[in-house]
C-alpha atoms as a PDB file:
ATOM      1  CA  MET A   1     107.899 129.447  79.100  1.00  0.00           C
ATOM      2  CA  ILE A   2     104.557 127.648  78.910  1.00  0.00           C
ATOM      3  CA  LEU A   3     105.840 124.942  81.259  1.00  0.00           C
ATOM      4  CA  TYR A   4     106.880 127.615  83.777  1.00  0.00           C
ATOM      5  CA  LEU A   5     103.426 129.194  83.608  1.00  0.00           C
ATOM      6  CA  LEU A   6     101.766 125.827  84.166  1.00  0.00           C
ATOM      7  CA  LYS A   7     103.981 125.099  87.169  1.00  0.00           C
ATOM      8  CA  PHE A   8     103.366 128.595  88.563  1.00  0.00           C
ATOM      9  CA  THR A   9      99.614 128.207  88.147  1.00  0.00           C
ATOM     10  CA  LEU A  10      99.578 124.785  89.814  1.00  0.00           C
ATOM     11  CA  CYS A  11     101.721 125.960  92.717  1.00  0.00           C
ATOM     12  CA  SER A  12      99.756 129.152  93.313  1.00  0.00           C
ATOM     13  CA  ALA A  13      96.437 127.280  93.041  1.00  0.00           C
ATOM     14  CA  THR A  14      97.630 124.758  95.645  1.00  0.00           C
ATOM     15  CA  LEU A  15      98.749 127.484  98.041  1.00  0.00           C
ATOM     16  CA  LEU A  16      95.540 129.460  97.528  1.00  0.00           C
ATOM     17  CA  LEU A  17      93.424 126.352  98.103  1.00  0.00           C
ATOM     18  CA  PHE A  18      95.266 125.765 101.385  1.00  0.00           C
ATOM     19  CA  TYR A  19      94.582 129.392 102.334  1.00  0.00           C
ATOM     20  CA  LYS A  20      90.881 129.112 101.503  1.00  0.00           C
ATOM     21  CA  LEU A  21      90.418 125.832 103.369  1.00  0.00           C
ATOM     22  CA  VAL A  22      92.514 126.522 106.469  1.00  0.00           C
ATOM     23  CA  LEU A  23      93.534 130.134 106.961  1.00  0.00           C
ATOM     24  CA  GLU A  24      90.692 132.278 105.633  1.00  0.00           C
ATOM     25  CA  ARG A  25      88.600 132.059 108.815  1.00  0.00           C
ATOM     26  CA  GLU A  26      91.535 132.851 111.105  1.00  0.00           C
ATOM     27  CA  LYS A  27      91.607 136.257 112.781  1.00  0.00           C
ATOM     28  CA  LEU A  28      95.379 136.617 112.415  1.00  0.00           C
ATOM     29  CA  LEU A  29      95.221 139.255 109.691  1.00  0.00           C
ATOM     30  CA  ARG A  30      98.943 140.048 109.717  1.00  0.00           C
ATOM     31  CA  PHE A  31      99.857 136.358 109.391  1.00  0.00           C
ATOM     32  CA  ASN A  32      97.347 135.911 106.557  1.00  0.00           C
ATOM     33  CA  ARG A  33      98.790 138.907 104.743  1.00  0.00           C
ATOM     34  CA  PHE A  34     102.344 137.572 105.011  1.00  0.00           C
ATOM     35  CA  TYR A  35     101.179 134.092 103.987  1.00  0.00           C
ATOM     36  CA  LEU A  36      99.578 135.441 100.817  1.00  0.00           C
ATOM     37  CA  LEU A  37     102.640 137.529  99.940  1.00  0.00           C
ATOM     38  CA  GLY A  38     104.984 134.646 100.744  1.00  0.00           C
ATOM     39  CA  SER A  39     102.917 132.187  98.728  1.00  0.00           C
ATOM     40  CA  LEU A  40     103.145 134.491  95.723  1.00  0.00           C
ATOM     41  CA  VAL A  41     106.946 134.645  96.026  1.00  0.00           C
ATOM     42  CA  LEU A  42     107.119 130.888  96.616  1.00  0.00           C
ATOM     43  CA  ALA A  43     104.945 130.205  93.561  1.00  0.00           C
ATOM     44  CA  LEU A  44     107.299 132.365  91.474  1.00  0.00           C
ATOM     45  CA  VAL A  45     110.477 130.652  92.736  1.00  0.00           C
ATOM     46  CA  LEU A  46     109.470 126.977  93.028  1.00  0.00           C
ATOM     47  CA  PRO A  47     109.014 126.358  89.279  1.00  0.00           C
ATOM     48  CA  LEU A  48     112.606 127.504  88.719  1.00  0.00           C
ATOM     49  CA  ILE A  49     114.013 124.764  90.968  1.00  0.00           C
ATOM     50  CA  SER A  50     114.438 121.340  89.393  1.00  0.00           C
ATOM     51  CA  PHE A  51     114.138 118.248  91.551  1.00  0.00           C
ATOM     52  CA  GLU A  52     115.765 114.978  90.492  1.00  0.00           C
ATOM     53  CA  ILE A  53     114.906 111.642  92.022  1.00  0.00           C
ATOM     54  CA  PRO A  54     117.678 109.095  91.432  1.00  0.00           C
ATOM     55  CA  SER A  55     116.436 105.832  90.015  1.00  0.00           C
ATOM     56  CA  GLU A  56     118.005 102.471  90.602  1.00  0.00           C
ATOM     57  CA  GLN A  57     119.137 100.300  87.749  1.00  0.00           C
ATOM     58  CA  ALA A  58     116.211  98.333  86.401  1.00  0.00           C
ATOM     59  CA  SER A  59     118.342  95.277  85.665  1.00  0.00           C
ATOM     60  CA  LEU A  60     119.107  94.767  89.353  1.00  0.00           C
ATOM     61  CA  LEU A  61     115.435  94.829  90.267  1.00  0.00           C
ATOM     62  CA  ILE A  62     114.035  92.700  87.450  1.00  0.00           C
ATOM     63  CA  THR A  63     116.458  90.011  86.341  1.00  0.00           C
ATOM     64  CA  PRO A  64     118.528  87.805  88.665  1.00  0.00           C
ATOM     65  CA  ASN A  65     122.190  87.188  87.840  1.00  0.00           C
ATOM     66  CA  TYR A  66     123.363  83.595  87.574  1.00  0.00           C
ATOM     67  CA  LEU A  67     126.833  82.493  88.657  1.00  0.00           C
ATOM     68  CA  SER A  68     128.052  78.991  87.861  1.00  0.00           C
ATOM     69  CA  VAL A  69     130.604  77.357  90.124  1.00  0.00           C
ATOM     70  CA  ASP A  70     130.650  73.988  88.356  1.00  0.00           C
ATOM     71  CA  GLU A  71     128.232  71.900  86.286  1.00  0.00           C
ATOM     72  CA  SER A  72     126.183  70.620  89.235  1.00  0.00           C
ATOM     73  CA  THR A  73     125.863  73.807  91.290  1.00  0.00           C
ATOM     74  CA  SER A  74     124.761  77.306  90.378  1.00  0.00           C
ATOM     75  CA  PHE A  75     123.990  80.389  92.442  1.00  0.00           C
ATOM     76  CA  VAL A  76     121.234  82.905  91.902  1.00  0.00           C
ATOM     77  CA  VAL A  77     122.120  86.394  93.101  1.00  0.00           C
ATOM     78  CA  ASN A  78     118.975  88.240  94.201  1.00  0.00           C
ATOM     79  CA  SER A  79     118.440  91.988  93.950  1.00  0.00           C
ATOM     80  CA  VAL A  80     119.363  92.336  97.631  1.00  0.00           C
ATOM     81  CA  TYR A  81     122.664  90.582  96.932  1.00  0.00           C
ATOM     82  CA  ASN A  82     121.832  87.387  98.849  1.00  0.00           C
ATOM     83  CA  ALA A  83     123.077  84.220  97.205  1.00  0.00           C
ATOM     84  CA  SER A  84     120.801  81.206  97.235  1.00  0.00           C
ATOM     85  CA  LYS A  85     122.247  77.813  96.285  1.00  0.00           C
ATOM     86  CA  THR A  86     120.426  75.673  93.757  1.00  0.00           C
ATOM     87  CA  THR A  87     121.416  72.181  92.618  1.00  0.00           C
ATOM     88  CA  THR A  88     120.584  70.805  89.198  1.00  0.00           C
ATOM     89  CA  SER A  89     119.096  67.332  88.684  1.00  0.00           C
ATOM     90  CA  GLU A  90     122.187  66.192  86.707  1.00  0.00           C
ATOM     91  CA  GLY A  91     124.472  66.609  89.701  1.00  0.00           C
ATOM     92  CA  MET A  92     122.239  64.493  91.961  1.00  0.00           C
ATOM     93  CA  ALA A  93     123.072  61.012  90.715  1.00  0.00           C
END
């Protein structure tokens, strides 16, 4: 309940700040009235909606995967799935 009140307060403060900075000097009284009523309803509803941002796997972004073909050649698979060929010093005799 406290989290909802904090979200409601933040949302309504943001909408009221926008009203004070942009719309307060406008002469469109009917629009301003509907904006204030709509912002109140929006501030009540928005905290009830949960937004999820999908995150990518951290292992794909941080550590490269090594694939060995034989003893002298290995491949490094980058996070964008491009394979770059590397040769070890043992195989270059």
